[in-house]
Protein backbone atom coordinates (compact mmCIF):
# COMPACT_ATOMS: atom_id res chain seq x y z
CA MET A 1 -17.98 -20.13 -6.38
CA VAL A 2 -15.67 -18.46 -8.89
CA SER A 3 -12.13 -19.76 -8.86
CA ALA A 4 -9.26 -17.47 -7.90
CA ARG A 5 -7.46 -15.55 -10.65
CA TYR A 6 -4.26 -15.69 -8.64
CA ARG A 7 -3.08 -17.21 -5.37
CA THR A 8 0.07 -16.88 -3.32
CA GLU A 9 1.19 -17.27 0.25
CA ALA A 10 3.88 -15.94 2.53
CA SER A 11 5.54 -17.17 5.68
CA ASN A 12 7.57 -15.53 8.38
CA GLY A 13 10.04 -17.85 10.05
CA VAL A 14 11.83 -17.73 13.36
CA ASP A 15 14.97 -16.74 11.44
CA GLY A 16 13.66 -13.18 10.93
CA ARG A 17 12.88 -13.64 7.23
CA SER A 18 9.62 -13.49 5.33
CA ARG A 19 9.25 -15.52 2.18
CA VAL A 20 7.01 -16.01 -0.80
CA PRO A 21 7.55 -19.41 -2.42
CA ASP A 22 9.74 -19.08 -5.52
CA GLY A 23 9.95 -15.32 -5.03
CA LEU A 24 10.56 -12.61 -2.50
CA ASP A 25 12.75 -13.43 0.51
CA VAL A 26 13.45 -10.52 2.84
CA ALA A 27 14.84 -9.89 6.29
CA VAL A 28 12.09 -8.48 8.53
CA ALA A 29 12.07 -6.78 11.89
CA SER A 30 9.81 -4.63 14.01
CA PRO A 31 10.51 -0.90 13.71
CA LEU A 32 9.96 -0.71 17.48
CA LYS A 33 12.79 -3.11 18.30
CA ALA A 34 15.85 -1.14 19.43
CA ASP A 35 18.35 -3.68 18.11
CA ALA A 36 16.56 -4.37 14.81
CA ASP A 37 18.64 -4.79 11.69
CA PRO A 38 18.43 -1.39 9.94
CA ALA A 39 18.48 -3.16 6.56
CA ALA A 40 15.44 -5.29 7.46
CA THR A 41 12.01 -4.34 6.21
CA ASN A 42 8.92 -4.13 8.39
CA PRO A 43 5.14 -4.53 8.10
CA GLU A 44 4.66 -0.79 7.61
CA GLN A 45 6.94 -0.78 4.57
CA LEU A 46 5.33 -3.90 3.15
CA LEU A 47 1.86 -2.40 3.57
CA ALA A 48 3.00 0.80 1.83
CA LEU A 49 4.48 -1.20 -1.05
CA ALA A 50 1.40 -3.39 -1.41
CA TRP A 51 -1.08 -0.52 -1.52
CA ALA A 52 1.07 1.76 -3.70
CA THR A 53 1.58 -1.05 -6.23
CA CYS A 54 -2.07 -2.11 -6.27
CA LEU A 55 -3.60 1.38 -6.35
CA ASN A 56 -1.24 2.58 -9.08
CA GLY A 57 -1.80 -0.57 -11.13
CA THR A 58 -5.55 -0.05 -10.86
CA ALA A 59 -5.20 3.61 -11.88
CA GLN A 60 -3.15 2.54 -14.89
CA VAL A 61 -5.88 0.12 -15.97
CA LEU A 62 -8.45 2.90 -15.70
CA VAL A 63 -6.44 5.37 -17.79
CA ARG A 64 -5.51 2.56 -20.19
CA GLU A 65 -1.83 3.38 -19.65
CA GLN A 66 -2.29 6.54 -21.75
CA ARG A 67 -1.13 8.77 -18.89
CA ARG A 68 1.52 8.30 -16.27
CA THR A 69 0.32 7.97 -12.70
CA ASN A 70 2.16 7.85 -9.42
CA VAL A 71 0.98 6.62 -6.05
CA ARG A 72 2.81 7.43 -2.85
CA VAL A 73 1.73 5.79 0.41
CA GLU A 74 2.63 6.92 3.92
CA VAL A 75 2.19 4.50 6.82
CA GLU A 76 2.49 5.53 10.46
CA LEU A 77 2.29 3.31 13.52
CA HIS A 78 0.38 4.87 16.43
CA PRO A 79 -0.35 3.51 19.90
CA VAL A 80 -4.03 2.72 20.40
CA GLU A 81 -5.59 4.78 23.18
CA PRO A 82 -6.51 3.15 25.46
CA GLY A 83 -4.21 0.25 24.63
CA PRO A 84 -3.10 -2.31 24.21
CA GLY A 85 -1.45 -2.37 20.85
CA TYR A 86 -0.96 -0.20 17.83
CA ALA A 87 -2.86 0.94 14.74
CA PHE A 88 -1.75 1.87 11.27
CA HIS A 89 -2.57 5.36 9.99
CA VAL A 90 -2.31 5.18 6.21
CA ASP A 91 -2.51 7.88 3.53
CA ALA A 92 -2.31 7.28 -0.22
CA PHE A 93 -1.52 10.12 -2.61
CA LEU A 94 -2.30 9.74 -6.32
CA SER A 95 -1.03 12.05 -9.04
CA ALA A 96 -1.73 11.83 -12.75
CA GLU A 97 0.14 13.49 -15.57
CA GLY A 98 -1.88 16.09 -17.48
CA MET A 99 -5.05 15.80 -15.39
CA THR A 100 -6.96 18.59 -13.72
CA ASP A 101 -7.58 18.34 -9.98
CA ALA A 102 -11.15 17.20 -10.66
CA GLU A 103 -10.03 14.54 -13.16
CA ALA A 104 -7.37 13.25 -10.75
CA GLN A 105 -9.92 13.14 -7.92
CA ASP A 106 -12.33 11.15 -10.11
CA LEU A 107 -9.55 8.74 -11.09
CA LEU A 108 -8.56 8.33 -7.44
CA GLU A 109 -12.12 7.58 -6.35
CA ARG A 110 -12.59 5.01 -9.13
CA ALA A 111 -9.21 3.37 -8.49
CA HIS A 112 -9.77 3.27 -4.72
CA ALA A 113 -13.19 1.64 -5.23
CA ARG A 114 -11.68 -1.03 -7.49
CA CYS A 115 -8.24 -1.78 -5.96
CA PRO A 116 -8.24 -5.01 -3.91
CA VAL A 117 -5.95 -3.58 -1.21
CA SER A 118 -8.20 -0.50 -0.93
CA LYS A 119 -11.15 -2.84 -0.51
CA LEU A 120 -9.30 -4.62 2.28
CA ILE A 121 -8.27 -1.55 4.28
CA GLY A 122 -10.50 1.22 2.92
CA GLY A 123 -13.18 1.01 5.59
CA ALA A 124 -10.78 1.83 8.42
CA ALA A 125 -11.12 5.28 10.00
CA THR A 126 -7.34 5.71 9.81
CA VAL A 127 -7.09 5.17 6.04
CA HIS A 128 -7.30 8.18 3.70
CA VAL A 129 -6.73 8.94 0.02
CA HIS A 130 -5.66 12.22 -1.52
CA THR A 131 -4.60 13.67 -4.85
CA GLU A 132 -1.44 15.69 -5.35
CA GLU A 133 0.35 17.46 -8.18
CA PHE A 134 2.05 15.12 -10.65
CA ALA A 135 5.79 14.76 -10.34
CA ALA A 136 7.57 12.08 -12.34
CA ALA A 137 9.05 9.50 -10.00
């Protein structure tokens, strides 16, 4: 077995905070909780950040950082019919400076096939990727 290139962990305590050892420490709350701290983050936001960061980083590797790329991720929480519970509906939008629609689509497909977060969630029926016109962030 090949050893891991990187390893981390996170914990979510009863104090409403999620932590990464020697790193990120954020207040967390459910977006469905009426009295949730509005400054707290939630799983939907963390998923959006994780995929946007990973997919854009992968795109940057593929273009060898010779072009600017942006990734925008939208995450929605929908009730599962019939319940119980909820499901994420997730859309990623990639744009690349100076690329044609076809070139951007090719980059998106290659990045999505290579990105570890895409590999984790990409098989879900509620996960989609799209290209869009480049706009500097």
